[in-house]
Amino acid sequence: AALYAVVNYSLNQVIISFYLYFIYKSKES
């Protein structure tokens, strides 16, 4: 369950990062 929580949060951040770079075209870190 702890691993599930980590995977859940990590994947959430990866997708957000993908959105920022490829959809919003953001250049900020």
PDB file of all heavy atoms in Angstrom:
ATOM      1  N   ALA A   1       0.843  -1.210   0.000  1.00  0.00           N
ATOM      2  CA  ALA A   1       0.000   0.000   0.000  1.00  0.00           C
ATOM      3  C   ALA A   1       0.870   1.249   0.000  1.00  0.00           C
ATOM      4  O   ALA A   1       0.552   2.237  -0.678  1.00  0.00           O
ATOM      5  CB  ALA A   1      -0.927  -0.010   1.218  1.00  0.00           C
ATOM      6  N   ALA A   2       1.982   1.219   0.757  1.00  0.00           N
ATOM      7  CA  ALA A   2       2.911   2.356   0.746  1.00  0.00           C
ATOM      8  C   ALA A   2       3.517   2.528  -0.644  1.00  0.00           C
ATOM      9  O   ALA A   2       3.673   3.662  -1.150  1.00  0.00           O
ATOM     10  CB  ALA A   2       4.002   2.148   1.789  1.00  0.00           C
ATOM     11  N   LEU A   3       3.875   1.396  -1.297  1.00  0.00           N
ATOM     12  CA  LEU A   3       4.395   1.458  -2.659  1.00  0.00           C
ATOM     13  C   LEU A   3       3.348   2.029  -3.612  1.00  0.00           C
ATOM     14  O   LEU A   3       3.659   2.832  -4.497  1.00  0.00           O
ATOM     15  CB  LEU A   3       4.830   0.068  -3.110  1.00  0.00           C
ATOM     16  CG  LEU A   3       5.350  -0.034  -4.553  1.00  0.00           C
ATOM     17  CD1 LEU A   3       6.613   0.809  -4.725  1.00  0.00           C
ATOM     18  CD2 LEU A   3       5.612  -1.484  -4.931  1.00  0.00           C
ATOM     19  N   TYR A   4       2.081   1.619  -3.421  1.00  0.00           N
ATOM     20  CA  TYR A   4       0.980   2.154  -4.237  1.00  0.00           C
ATOM     21  C   TYR A   4       0.914   3.676  -4.123  1.00  0.00           C
ATOM     22  O   TYR A   4       0.774   4.382  -5.133  1.00  0.00           O
ATOM     23  CB  TYR A   4      -0.342   1.528  -3.774  1.00  0.00           C
ATOM     24  CG  TYR A   4      -1.578   2.277  -4.242  1.00  0.00           C
ATOM     25  CD1 TYR A   4      -2.123   2.037  -5.500  1.00  0.00           C
ATOM     26  CD2 TYR A   4      -2.178   3.216  -3.420  1.00  0.00           C
ATOM     27  CE1 TYR A   4      -3.244   2.726  -5.927  1.00  0.00           C
ATOM     28  CE2 TYR A   4      -3.300   3.926  -3.844  1.00  0.00           C
ATOM     29  CZ  TYR A   4      -3.832   3.677  -5.095  1.00  0.00           C
ATOM     30  OH  TYR A   4      -4.947   4.381  -5.520  1.00  0.00           O
ATOM     31  N   ALA A   5       1.034   4.191  -2.892  1.00  0.00           N
ATOM     32  CA  ALA A   5       0.970   5.644  -2.678  1.00  0.00           C
ATOM     33  C   ALA A   5       2.118   6.358  -3.377  1.00  0.00           C
ATOM     34  O   ALA A   5       1.934   7.411  -4.005  1.00  0.00           O
ATOM     35  CB  ALA A   5       0.981   5.948  -1.183  1.00  0.00           C
ATOM     36  N   VAL A   6       3.327   5.755  -3.307  1.00  0.00           N
ATOM     37  CA  VAL A   6       4.497   6.378  -3.950  1.00  0.00           C
ATOM     38  C   VAL A   6       4.343   6.374  -5.469  1.00  0.00           C
ATOM     39  O   VAL A   6       4.617   7.380  -6.146  1.00  0.00           O
ATOM     40  CB  VAL A   6       5.789   5.645  -3.535  1.00  0.00           C
ATOM     41  CG1 VAL A   6       6.982   6.151  -4.347  1.00  0.00           C
ATOM     42  CG2 VAL A   6       6.047   5.818  -2.038  1.00  0.00           C
ATOM     43  N   VAL A   7       3.929   5.228  -6.020  1.00  0.00           N
ATOM     44  CA  VAL A   7       3.717   5.145  -7.470  1.00  0.00           C
ATOM     45  C   VAL A   7       2.636   6.125  -7.904  1.00  0.00           C
ATOM     46  O   VAL A   7       2.770   6.821  -8.923  1.00  0.00           O
ATOM     47  CB  VAL A   7       3.329   3.703  -7.876  1.00  0.00           C
ATOM     48  CG1 VAL A   7       2.903   3.648  -9.342  1.00  0.00           C
ATOM     49  CG2 VAL A   7       4.494   2.756  -7.630  1.00  0.00           C
ATOM     50  N   ASN A   8       1.571   6.216  -7.127  1.00  0.00           N
ATOM     51  CA  ASN A   8       0.464   7.128  -7.443  1.00  0.00           C
ATOM     52  C   ASN A   8       0.950   8.564  -7.532  1.00  0.00           C
ATOM     53  O   ASN A   8       0.692   9.264  -8.514  1.00  0.00           O
ATOM     54  CB  ASN A   8      -0.615   6.970  -6.362  1.00  0.00           C
ATOM     55  CG  ASN A   8      -1.879   7.735  -6.694  1.00  0.00           C
ATOM     56  OD1 ASN A   8      -1.899   8.952  -6.691  1.00  0.00           O
ATOM     57  ND2 ASN A   8      -2.963   7.001  -6.965  1.00  0.00           N
ATOM     58  N   TYR A   9       1.681   8.992  -6.506  1.00  0.00           N
ATOM     59  CA  TYR A   9       2.146  10.382  -6.488  1.00  0.00           C
ATOM     60  C   TYR A   9       3.203  10.641  -7.560  1.00  0.00           C
ATOM     61  O   TYR A   9       3.167  11.673  -8.253  1.00  0.00           O
ATOM     62  CB  TYR A   9       2.715  10.736  -5.114  1.00  0.00           C
ATOM     63  CG  TYR A   9       3.214  12.160  -5.039  1.00  0.00           C
ATOM     64  CD1 TYR A   9       2.319  13.231  -4.975  1.00  0.00           C
ATOM     65  CD2 TYR A   9       4.570  12.450  -5.077  1.00  0.00           C
ATOM     66  CE1 TYR A   9       2.760  14.535  -4.927  1.00  0.00           C
ATOM     67  CE2 TYR A   9       5.028  13.757  -5.033  1.00  0.00           C
ATOM     68  CZ  TYR A   9       4.118  14.795  -4.959  1.00  0.00           C
ATOM     69  OH  TYR A   9       4.562  16.090  -4.928  1.00  0.00           O
ATOM     70  N   SER A  10       4.143   9.700  -7.711  1.00  0.00           N
ATOM     71  CA  SER A  10       5.224   9.891  -8.695  1.00  0.00           C
ATOM     72  C   SER A  10       4.672   9.977 -10.109  1.00  0.00           C
ATOM     73  O   SER A  10       5.077  10.845 -10.904  1.00  0.00           O
ATOM     74  CB  SER A  10       6.235   8.748  -8.592  1.00  0.00           C
ATOM     75  OG  SER A  10       6.789   8.682  -7.297  1.00  0.00           O
ATOM     76  N   LEU A  11       3.756   9.093 -10.440  1.00  0.00           N
ATOM     77  CA  LEU A  11       3.161   9.106 -11.778  1.00  0.00           C
ATOM     78  C   LEU A  11       2.378  10.398 -12.007  1.00  0.00           C
ATOM     79  O   LEU A  11       2.404  10.968 -13.108  1.00  0.00           O
ATOM     80  CB  LEU A  11       2.255   7.894 -11.953  1.00  0.00           C
ATOM     81  CG  LEU A  11       1.641   7.699 -13.344  1.00  0.00           C
ATOM     82  CD1 LEU A  11       2.736   7.575 -14.407  1.00  0.00           C
ATOM     83  CD2 LEU A  11       0.734   6.475 -13.371  1.00  0.00           C
ATOM     84  N   ASN A  12       1.703  10.867 -10.956  1.00  0.00           N
ATOM     85  CA  ASN A  12       0.976  12.132 -11.039  1.00  0.00           C
ATOM     86  C   ASN A  12       1.922  13.271 -11.420  1.00  0.00           C
ATOM     87  O   ASN A  12       1.618  14.095 -12.295  1.00  0.00           O
ATOM     88  CB  ASN A  12       0.302  12.406  -9.688  1.00  0.00           C
ATOM     89  CG  ASN A  12      -0.493  13.699  -9.676  1.00  0.00           C
ATOM     90  OD1 ASN A  12       0.070  14.762  -9.502  1.00  0.00           O
ATOM     91  ND2 ASN A  12      -1.799  13.580  -9.836  1.00  0.00           N
ATOM     92  N   GLN A  13       3.099  13.328 -10.783  1.00  0.00           N
ATOM     93  CA  GLN A  13       4.061  14.396 -11.061  1.00  0.00           C
ATOM     94  C   GLN A  13       4.669  14.261 -12.458  1.00  0.00           C
ATOM     95  O   GLN A  13       4.920  15.261 -13.131  1.00  0.00           O
ATOM     96  CB  GLN A  13       5.170  14.395 -10.005  1.00  0.00           C
ATOM     97  CG  GLN A  13       4.680  14.620  -8.581  1.00  0.00           C
ATOM     98  CD  GLN A  13       3.867  15.894  -8.452  1.00  0.00           C
ATOM     99  OE1 GLN A  13       4.240  16.943  -8.971  1.00  0.00           O
ATOM    100  NE2 GLN A  13       2.731  15.810  -7.759  1.00  0.00           N
ATOM    101  N   VAL A  14       4.893  13.022 -12.888  1.00  0.00           N
ATOM    102  CA  VAL A  14       5.439  12.809 -14.241  1.00  0.00           C
ATOM    103  C   VAL A  14       4.460  13.317 -15.298  1.00  0.00           C
ATOM    104  O   VAL A  14       4.852  13.995 -16.266  1.00  0.00           O
ATOM    105  CB  VAL A  14       5.753  11.309 -14.461  1.00  0.00           C
ATOM    106  CG1 VAL A  14       6.052  11.038 -15.935  1.00  0.00           C
ATOM    107  CG2 VAL A  14       6.927  10.890 -13.597  1.00  0.00           C
ATOM    108  N   ILE A  15       3.187  13.001 -15.131  1.00  0.00           N
ATOM    109  CA  ILE A  15       2.187  13.445 -16.114  1.00  0.00           C
ATOM    110  C   ILE A  15       2.040  14.964 -16.093  1.00  0.00           C
ATOM    111  O   ILE A  15       1.921  15.602 -17.143  1.00  0.00           O
ATOM    112  CB  ILE A  15       0.835  12.749 -15.842  1.00  0.00           C
ATOM    113  CG1 ILE A  15       0.960  11.242 -16.070  1.00  0.00           C
ATOM    114  CG2 ILE A  15      -0.253  13.325 -16.750  1.00  0.00           C
ATOM    115  CD1 ILE A  15      -0.293  10.452 -15.735  1.00  0.00           C
ATOM    116  N   ILE A  16       2.069  15.562 -14.895  1.00  0.00           N
ATOM    117  CA  ILE A  16       1.998  17.031 -14.808  1.00  0.00           C
ATOM    118  C   ILE A  16       3.176  17.657 -15.539  1.00  0.00           C
ATOM    119  O   ILE A  16       3.022  18.628 -16.295  1.00  0.00           O
ATOM    120  CB  ILE A  16       1.968  17.487 -13.335  1.00  0.00           C
ATOM    121  CG1 ILE A  16       0.645  17.107 -12.675  1.00  0.00           C
ATOM    122  CG2 ILE A  16       2.171  19.004 -13.242  1.00  0.00           C
ATOM    123  CD1 ILE A  16       0.583  17.426 -11.201  1.00  0.00           C
ATOM    124  N   SER A  17       4.354  17.107 -15.325  1.00  0.00           N
ATOM    125  CA  SER A  17       5.546  17.614 -16.011  1.00  0.00           C
ATOM    126  C   SER A  17       5.398  17.489 -17.523  1.00  0.00           C
ATOM    127  O   SER A  17       5.748  18.409 -18.281  1.00  0.00           O
ATOM    128  CB  SER A  17       6.782  16.851 -15.535  1.00  0.00           C
ATOM    129  OG  SER A  17       7.939  17.316 -16.187  1.00  0.00           O
ATOM    130  N   PHE A  18       4.852  16.361 -17.976  1.00  0.00           N
ATOM    131  CA  PHE A  18       4.609  16.155 -19.410  1.00  0.00           C
ATOM    132  C   PHE A  18       3.642  17.216 -19.947  1.00  0.00           C
ATOM    133  O   PHE A  18       3.868  17.798 -21.017  1.00  0.00           O
ATOM    134  CB  PHE A  18       4.042  14.756 -19.636  1.00  0.00           C
ATOM    135  CG  PHE A  18       3.636  14.480 -21.059  1.00  0.00           C
ATOM    136  CD1 PHE A  18       4.563  14.045 -21.990  1.00  0.00           C
ATOM    137  CD2 PHE A  18       2.316  14.664 -21.465  1.00  0.00           C
ATOM    138  CE1 PHE A  18       4.197  13.806 -23.312  1.00  0.00           C
ATOM    139  CE2 PHE A  18       1.933  14.427 -22.775  1.00  0.00           C
ATOM    140  CZ  PHE A  18       2.874  13.994 -23.704  1.00  0.00           C
ATOM    141  N   TYR A  19       2.582  17.464 -19.220  1.00  0.00           N
ATOM    142  CA  TYR A  19       1.604  18.486 -19.637  1.00  0.00           C
ATOM    143  C   TYR A  19       2.268  19.857 -19.782  1.00  0.00           C
ATOM    144  O   TYR A  19       2.033  20.578 -20.765  1.00  0.00           O
ATOM    145  CB  TYR A  19       0.473  18.584 -18.608  1.00  0.00           C
ATOM    146  CG  TYR A  19      -0.550  17.470 -18.673  1.00  0.00           C
ATOM    147  CD1 TYR A  19      -1.569  17.382 -17.719  1.00  0.00           C
ATOM    148  CD2 TYR A  19      -0.521  16.505 -19.680  1.00  0.00           C
ATOM    149  CE1 TYR A  19      -2.523  16.368 -17.764  1.00  0.00           C
ATOM    150  CE2 TYR A  19      -1.466  15.481 -19.726  1.00  0.00           C
ATOM    151  CZ  TYR A  19      -2.458  15.425 -18.766  1.00  0.00           C
ATOM    152  OH  TYR A  19      -3.401  14.431 -18.819  1.00  0.00           O
ATOM    153  N   LEU A  20       3.074  20.221 -18.792  1.00  0.00           N
ATOM    154  CA  LEU A  20       3.694  21.543 -18.803  1.00  0.00           C
ATOM    155  C   LEU A  20       4.612  21.731 -20.006  1.00  0.00           C
ATOM    156  O   LEU A  20       4.609  22.773 -20.660  1.00  0.00           O
ATOM    157  CB  LEU A  20       4.477  21.777 -17.509  1.00  0.00           C
ATOM    158  CG  LEU A  20       3.642  22.006 -16.241  1.00  0.00           C
ATOM    159  CD1 LEU A  20       4.535  22.063 -15.017  1.00  0.00           C
ATOM    160  CD2 LEU A  20       2.834  23.292 -16.365  1.00  0.00           C
ATOM    161  N   TYR A  21       5.401  20.715 -20.292  1.00  0.00           N
ATOM    162  CA  TYR A  21       6.398  20.840 -21.363  1.00  0.00           C
ATOM    163  C   TYR A  21       5.789  20.695 -22.762  1.00  0.00           C
ATOM    164  O   TYR A  21       6.201  21.400 -23.693  1.00  0.00           O
ATOM    165  CB  TYR A  21       7.520  19.813 -21.177  1.00  0.00           C
ATOM    166  CG  TYR A  21       8.489  20.174 -20.077  1.00  0.00           C
ATOM    167  CD1 TYR A  21       8.544  19.427 -18.906  1.00  0.00           C
ATOM    168  CD2 TYR A  21       9.340  21.263 -20.185  1.00  0.00           C
ATOM    169  CE1 TYR A  21       9.422  19.751 -17.880  1.00  0.00           C
ATOM    170  CE2 TYR A  21      10.224  21.599 -19.178  1.00  0.00           C
ATOM    171  CZ  TYR A  21      10.262  20.849 -18.028  1.00  0.00           C
ATOM    172  OH  TYR A  21      11.123  21.176 -17.014  1.00  0.00           O
ATOM    173  N   PHE A  22       4.839  19.783 -22.920  1.00  0.00           N
ATOM    174  CA  PHE A  22       4.370  19.450 -24.265  1.00  0.00           C
ATOM    175  C   PHE A  22       3.008  20.055 -24.614  1.00  0.00           C
ATOM    176  O   PHE A  22       2.688  20.184 -25.794  1.00  0.00           O
ATOM    177  CB  PHE A  22       4.317  17.936 -24.449  1.00  0.00           C
ATOM    178  CG  PHE A  22       5.664  17.288 -24.421  1.00  0.00           C
ATOM    179  CD1 PHE A  22       6.128  16.672 -23.271  1.00  0.00           C
ATOM    180  CD2 PHE A  22       6.476  17.320 -25.534  1.00  0.00           C
ATOM    181  CE1 PHE A  22       7.376  16.073 -23.231  1.00  0.00           C
ATOM    182  CE2 PHE A  22       7.728  16.727 -25.511  1.00  0.00           C
ATOM    183  CZ  PHE A  22       8.179  16.106 -24.353  1.00  0.00           C
ATOM    184  N   ILE A  23       2.206  20.396 -23.622  1.00  0.00           N
ATOM    185  CA  ILE A  23       0.899  21.010 -23.903  1.00  0.00           C
ATOM    186  C   ILE A  23       0.938  22.516 -23.642  1.00  0.00           C
ATOM    187  O   ILE A  23       0.540  23.308 -24.484  1.00  0.00           O
ATOM    188  CB  ILE A  23      -0.211  20.337 -23.065  1.00  0.00           C
ATOM    189  CG1 ILE A  23      -0.363  18.876 -23.507  1.00  0.00           C
ATOM    190  CG2 ILE A  23      -1.541  21.082 -23.229  1.00  0.00           C
ATOM    191  CD1 ILE A  23      -1.418  18.100 -22.732  1.00  0.00           C
ATOM    192  N   TYR A  24       1.466  22.900 -22.465  1.00  0.00           N
ATOM    193  CA  TYR A  24       1.545  24.326 -22.135  1.00  0.00           C
ATOM    194  C   TYR A  24       2.805  24.990 -22.686  1.00  0.00           C
ATOM    195  O   TYR A  24       2.936  26.220 -22.613  1.00  0.00           O
ATOM    196  CB  TYR A  24       1.496  24.520 -20.623  1.00  0.00           C
ATOM    197  CG  TYR A  24       0.146  24.218 -20.015  1.00  0.00           C
ATOM    198  CD1 TYR A  24      -0.107  22.991 -19.408  1.00  0.00           C
ATOM    199  CD2 TYR A  24      -0.881  25.151 -20.045  1.00  0.00           C
ATOM    200  CE1 TYR A  24      -1.340  22.708 -18.844  1.00  0.00           C
ATOM    201  CE2 TYR A  24      -2.119  24.880 -19.494  1.00  0.00           C
ATOM    202  CZ  TYR A  24      -2.345  23.656 -18.892  1.00  0.00           C
ATOM    203  OH  TYR A  24      -3.567  23.391 -18.331  1.00  0.00           O
ATOM    204  N   LYS A  25       3.749  24.186 -23.183  1.00  0.00           N
ATOM    205  CA  LYS A  25       5.001  24.694 -23.763  1.00  0.00           C
ATOM    206  C   LYS A  25       5.782  25.542 -22.772  1.00  0.00           C
ATOM    207  O   LYS A  25       6.417  26.541 -23.134  1.00  0.00           O
ATOM    208  CB  LYS A  25       4.728  25.518 -25.033  1.00  0.00           C
ATOM    209  CG  LYS A  25       3.860  24.831 -26.077  1.00  0.00           C
ATOM    210  CD  LYS A  25       4.510  23.592 -26.633  1.00  0.00           C
ATOM    211  CE  LYS A  25       3.650  22.963 -27.735  1.00  0.00           C
ATOM    212  NZ  LYS A  25       4.241  21.717 -28.235  1.00  0.00           N
ATOM    213  N   SER A  26       5.747  25.179 -21.508  1.00  0.00           N
ATOM    214  CA  SER A  26       6.449  25.939 -20.481  1.00  0.00           C
ATOM    215  C   SER A  26       7.939  25.607 -20.515  1.00  0.00           C
ATOM    216  O   SER A  26       8.331  24.448 -20.622  1.00  0.00           O
ATOM    217  CB  SER A  26       5.872  25.619 -19.100  1.00  0.00           C
ATOM    218  OG  SER A  26       6.640  26.247 -18.090  1.00  0.00           O
ATOM    219  N   LYS A  27       8.773  26.660 -20.402  1.00  0.00           N
ATOM    220  CA  LYS A  27      10.226  26.469 -20.392  1.00  0.00           C
ATOM    221  C   LYS A  27      10.794  26.532 -18.979  1.00  0.00           C
ATOM    222  O   LYS A  27      11.992  26.317 -18.783  1.00  0.00           O
ATOM    223  CB  LYS A  27      10.897  27.546 -21.258  1.00  0.00           C
ATOM    224  CG  LYS A  27      10.430  27.550 -22.708  1.00  0.00           C
ATOM    225  CD  LYS A  27      10.696  26.225 -23.407  1.00  0.00           C
ATOM    226  CE  LYS A  27      10.240  26.249 -24.866  1.00  0.00           C
ATOM    227  NZ  LYS A  27      10.448  24.956 -25.523  1.00  0.00           N
ATOM    228  N   GLU A  28       9.945  26.860 -18.005  1.00  0.00           N
ATOM    229  CA  GLU A  28      10.420  26.968 -16.632  1.00  0.00           C
ATOM    230  C   GLU A  28      10.621  25.581 -16.025  1.00  0.00           C
ATOM    231  O   GLU A  28       9.938  24.620 -16.374  1.00  0.00           O
ATOM    232  CB  GLU A  28       9.426  27.765 -15.786  1.00  0.00           C
ATOM    233  CG  GLU A  28       9.247  29.194 -16.264  1.00  0.00           C
ATOM    234  CD  GLU A  28       8.259  29.950 -15.401  1.00  0.00           C
ATOM    235  OE1 GLU A  28       7.805  29.380 -14.382  1.00  0.00           O
ATOM    236  OE2 GLU A  28       7.946  31.100 -15.740  1.00  0.00           O
ATOM    237  N   SER A  29      11.548  25.498 -15.089  1.00  0.00           N
ATOM    238  CA  SER A  29      11.811  24.228 -14.413  1.00  0.00           C
ATOM    239  C   SER A  29      10.617  23.853 -13.539  1.00  0.00           C
ATOM    240  O   SER A  29      10.134  24.662 -12.740  1.00  0.00           O
ATOM    241  CB  SER A  29      13.073  24.342 -13.559  1.00  0.00           C
ATOM    242  OG  SER A  29      13.257  23.160 -12.799  1.00  0.00           O
TER     243      SER A  29
END
